[in-house]
Amino acid sequence: MSIGSRLRCCYKAISTIGGDTSLAEDEEHPKHITLIDEAGRERQFRLHDAFDHKGGVYYLVENVDDPSQVLLLREAGSELETVDGEEFQRVIAALEEDDVE
């Protein structure tokens, strides 16, 4: 999977498919989550990974309608922020090296 375009915005998770409100990954049944972007648009994503790294909680998600759009999101209070720049490079490197919890 390639990490494609990264959007600079915040998201709010409003629902998960399957009745479970946890965003924890289930490999047999990937989670689908609905996120609302800053423009108020609802978008469906498939959760690929949820992990802790150096005190932050991160989510790797893929847009259901556009699989080339893969985002790395970080919890920021009650919202999710798109990760980019140096932090993006550092967290993806840690994920690839399996240096995450």
C-alpha atoms as a PDB file:
ATOM      1  CA  MET A   1       0.000   0.000   0.000  1.00  0.00           C
ATOM      2  CA  SER A   2       1.303   3.433  -0.873  1.00  0.00           C
ATOM      3  CA  ILE A   3       0.705   6.432   1.334  1.00  0.00           C
ATOM      4  CA  GLY A   4      -0.886   8.737  -1.206  1.00  0.00           C
ATOM      5  CA  SER A   5      -2.112  12.260  -0.929  1.00  0.00           C
ATOM      6  CA  ARG A   6      -2.215  13.671   2.560  1.00  0.00           C
ATOM      7  CA  LEU A   7      -4.870  16.259   3.219  1.00  0.00           C
ATOM      8  CA  ARG A   8      -4.186  19.048   5.664  1.00  0.00           C
ATOM      9  CA  CYS A   9      -7.304  19.093   7.812  1.00  0.00           C
ATOM     10  CA  CYS A  10      -8.974  17.747  10.874  1.00  0.00           C
ATOM     11  CA  TYR A  11     -11.498  14.942  11.057  1.00  0.00           C
ATOM     12  CA  LYS A  12     -14.044  13.904  13.611  1.00  0.00           C
ATOM     13  CA  ALA A  13     -15.014  10.235  13.810  1.00  0.00           C
ATOM     14  CA  ILE A  14     -18.775  10.007  13.964  1.00  0.00           C
ATOM     15  CA  SER A  15     -19.423   6.306  13.592  1.00  0.00           C
ATOM     16  CA  THR A  16     -17.949   2.886  13.087  1.00  0.00           C
ATOM     17  CA  ILE A  17     -19.638   0.137  11.132  1.00  0.00           C
ATOM     18  CA  GLY A  18     -20.259  -2.963  13.191  1.00  0.00           C
ATOM     19  CA  GLY A  19     -21.664  -1.363  16.314  1.00  0.00           C
ATOM     20  CA  ASP A  20     -18.334  -1.166  18.140  1.00  0.00           C
ATOM     21  CA  THR A  21     -17.331   2.365  19.030  1.00  0.00           C
ATOM     22  CA  SER A  22     -13.675   1.361  19.485  1.00  0.00           C
ATOM     23  CA  LEU A  23     -11.344   2.159  16.608  1.00  0.00           C
ATOM     24  CA  ALA A  24      -9.152  -0.842  17.458  1.00  0.00           C
ATOM     25  CA  GLU A  25      -8.319  -2.955  14.427  1.00  0.00           C
ATOM     26  CA  ASP A  26      -9.808  -6.390  13.868  1.00  0.00           C
ATOM     27  CA  GLU A  27      -7.817  -8.114  11.117  1.00  0.00           C
ATOM     28  CA  GLU A  28     -10.648 -10.463  10.176  1.00  0.00           C
ATOM     29  CA  HIS A  29     -13.206  -7.654   9.878  1.00  0.00           C
ATOM     30  CA  PRO A  30     -11.588  -4.331   8.945  1.00  0.00           C
ATOM     31  CA  LYS A  31     -13.359  -1.374  10.509  1.00  0.00           C
ATOM     32  CA  HIS A  32     -15.112   1.159   8.348  1.00  0.00           C
ATOM     33  CA  ILE A  33     -15.376   4.561   9.945  1.00  0.00           C
ATOM     34  CA  THR A  34     -17.165   7.723   8.935  1.00  0.00           C
ATOM     35  CA  LEU A  35     -15.118  10.887   9.270  1.00  0.00           C
ATOM     36  CA  ILE A  36     -16.244  14.474   8.828  1.00  0.00           C
ATOM     37  CA  ASP A  37     -13.683  16.829   7.311  1.00  0.00           C
ATOM     38  CA  GLU A  38     -13.366  20.561   8.043  1.00  0.00           C
ATOM     39  CA  ALA A  39     -15.763  21.340   5.184  1.00  0.00           C
ATOM     40  CA  GLY A  40     -18.449  19.209   6.850  1.00  0.00           C
ATOM     41  CA  ARG A  41     -18.305  16.390   4.270  1.00  0.00           C
ATOM     42  CA  GLU A  42     -18.754  12.833   5.508  1.00  0.00           C
ATOM     43  CA  ARG A  43     -16.239  10.383   4.090  1.00  0.00           C
ATOM     44  CA  GLN A  44     -15.919   6.634   4.574  1.00  0.00           C
ATOM     45  CA  PHE A  45     -12.532   5.158   5.469  1.00  0.00           C
ATOM     46  CA  ARG A  46     -11.231   1.666   6.143  1.00  0.00           C
ATOM     47  CA  LEU A  47      -9.003   1.428   9.216  1.00  0.00           C
ATOM     48  CA  HIS A  48      -5.755  -0.409   8.471  1.00  0.00           C
ATOM     49  CA  ASP A  49      -3.872   0.167  11.690  1.00  0.00           C
ATOM     50  CA  ALA A  50      -4.242   1.897  15.054  1.00  0.00           C
ATOM     51  CA  PHE A  51      -1.159   2.276  17.217  1.00  0.00           C
ATOM     52  CA  ASP A  52       0.624   4.272  19.908  1.00  0.00           C
ATOM     53  CA  HIS A  53       3.954   5.921  19.221  1.00  0.00           C
ATOM     54  CA  LYS A  54       5.884   8.156  21.609  1.00  0.00           C
ATOM     55  CA  GLY A  55       2.813   9.247  23.540  1.00  0.00           C
ATOM     56  CA  GLY A  56       0.556   9.787  20.514  1.00  0.00           C
ATOM     57  CA  VAL A  57      -2.267   7.653  19.136  1.00  0.00           C
ATOM     58  CA  TYR A  58      -2.230   7.247  15.335  1.00  0.00           C
ATOM     59  CA  TYR A  59      -4.538   5.729  12.741  1.00  0.00           C
ATOM     60  CA  LEU A  60      -3.674   4.625   9.213  1.00  0.00           C
ATOM     61  CA  VAL A  61      -6.842   4.826   7.095  1.00  0.00           C
ATOM     62  CA  GLU A  62      -7.778   4.327   3.439  1.00  0.00           C
ATOM     63  CA  ASN A  63     -10.613   6.164   1.672  1.00  0.00           C
ATOM     64  CA  VAL A  64     -13.252   3.560   0.715  1.00  0.00           C
ATOM     65  CA  ASP A  65     -14.173   5.465  -2.470  1.00  0.00           C
ATOM     66  CA  ASP A  66     -10.571   6.272  -3.469  1.00  0.00           C
ATOM     67  CA  PRO A  67      -8.110   3.587  -2.264  1.00  0.00           C
ATOM     68  CA  SER A  68      -5.184   5.691  -3.494  1.00  0.00           C
ATOM     69  CA  GLN A  69      -5.970   8.149  -0.666  1.00  0.00           C
ATOM     70  CA  VAL A  70      -4.316   6.818   2.473  1.00  0.00           C
ATOM     71  CA  LEU A  71      -4.043   9.106   5.488  1.00  0.00           C
ATOM     72  CA  LEU A  72      -2.080   9.021   8.699  1.00  0.00           C
ATOM     73  CA  LEU A  73      -4.178  10.627  11.442  1.00  0.00           C
ATOM     74  CA  ARG A  74      -3.285  11.552  15.036  1.00  0.00           C
ATOM     75  CA  GLU A  75      -5.670  11.946  17.959  1.00  0.00           C
ATOM     76  CA  ALA A  76      -5.879  15.566  19.056  1.00  0.00           C
ATOM     77  CA  GLY A  77      -8.449  15.878  21.797  1.00  0.00           C
ATOM     78  CA  SER A  78     -11.798  14.831  20.353  1.00  0.00           C
ATOM     79  CA  GLU A  79     -10.602  15.199  16.750  1.00  0.00           C
ATOM     80  CA  LEU A  80      -8.175  13.521  14.386  1.00  0.00           C
ATOM     81  CA  GLU A  81      -5.506  15.589  12.652  1.00  0.00           C
ATOM     82  CA  THR A  82      -3.736  14.708   9.430  1.00  0.00           C
ATOM     83  CA  VAL A  83      -0.040  14.075  10.034  1.00  0.00           C
ATOM     84  CA  ASP A  84       2.465  15.461   7.541  1.00  0.00           C
ATOM     85  CA  GLY A  85       6.037  16.710   7.224  1.00  0.00           C
ATOM     86  CA  GLU A  86       8.766  15.428   9.523  1.00  0.00           C
ATOM     87  CA  GLU A  87       6.311  13.827  11.937  1.00  0.00           C
ATOM     88  CA  PHE A  88       4.761  11.876   9.050  1.00  0.00           C
ATOM     89  CA  GLN A  89       8.179  10.585   7.947  1.00  0.00           C
ATOM     90  CA  ARG A  90       9.178   9.670  11.509  1.00  0.00           C
ATOM     91  CA  VAL A  91       5.927   7.843  12.342  1.00  0.00           C
ATOM     92  CA  ILE A  92       5.787   5.933   9.027  1.00  0.00           C
ATOM     93  CA  ALA A  93       9.439   4.865   9.502  1.00  0.00           C
ATOM     94  CA  ALA A  94       8.600   3.608  13.020  1.00  0.00           C
ATOM     95  CA  LEU A  95       5.550   1.756  11.657  1.00  0.00           C
ATOM     96  CA  GLU A  96       7.604   0.119   8.886  1.00  0.00           C
ATOM     97  CA  GLU A  97      10.242  -0.914  11.447  1.00  0.00           C
ATOM     98  CA  ASP A  98       7.492  -2.253  13.749  1.00  0.00           C
ATOM     99  CA  ASP A  99       8.630   0.175  16.442  1.00  0.00           C
ATOM    100  CA  VAL A 100       5.076   1.059  17.550  1.00  0.00           C
ATOM    101  CA  GLU A 101       2.756  -0.283  20.228  1.00  0.00           C
END
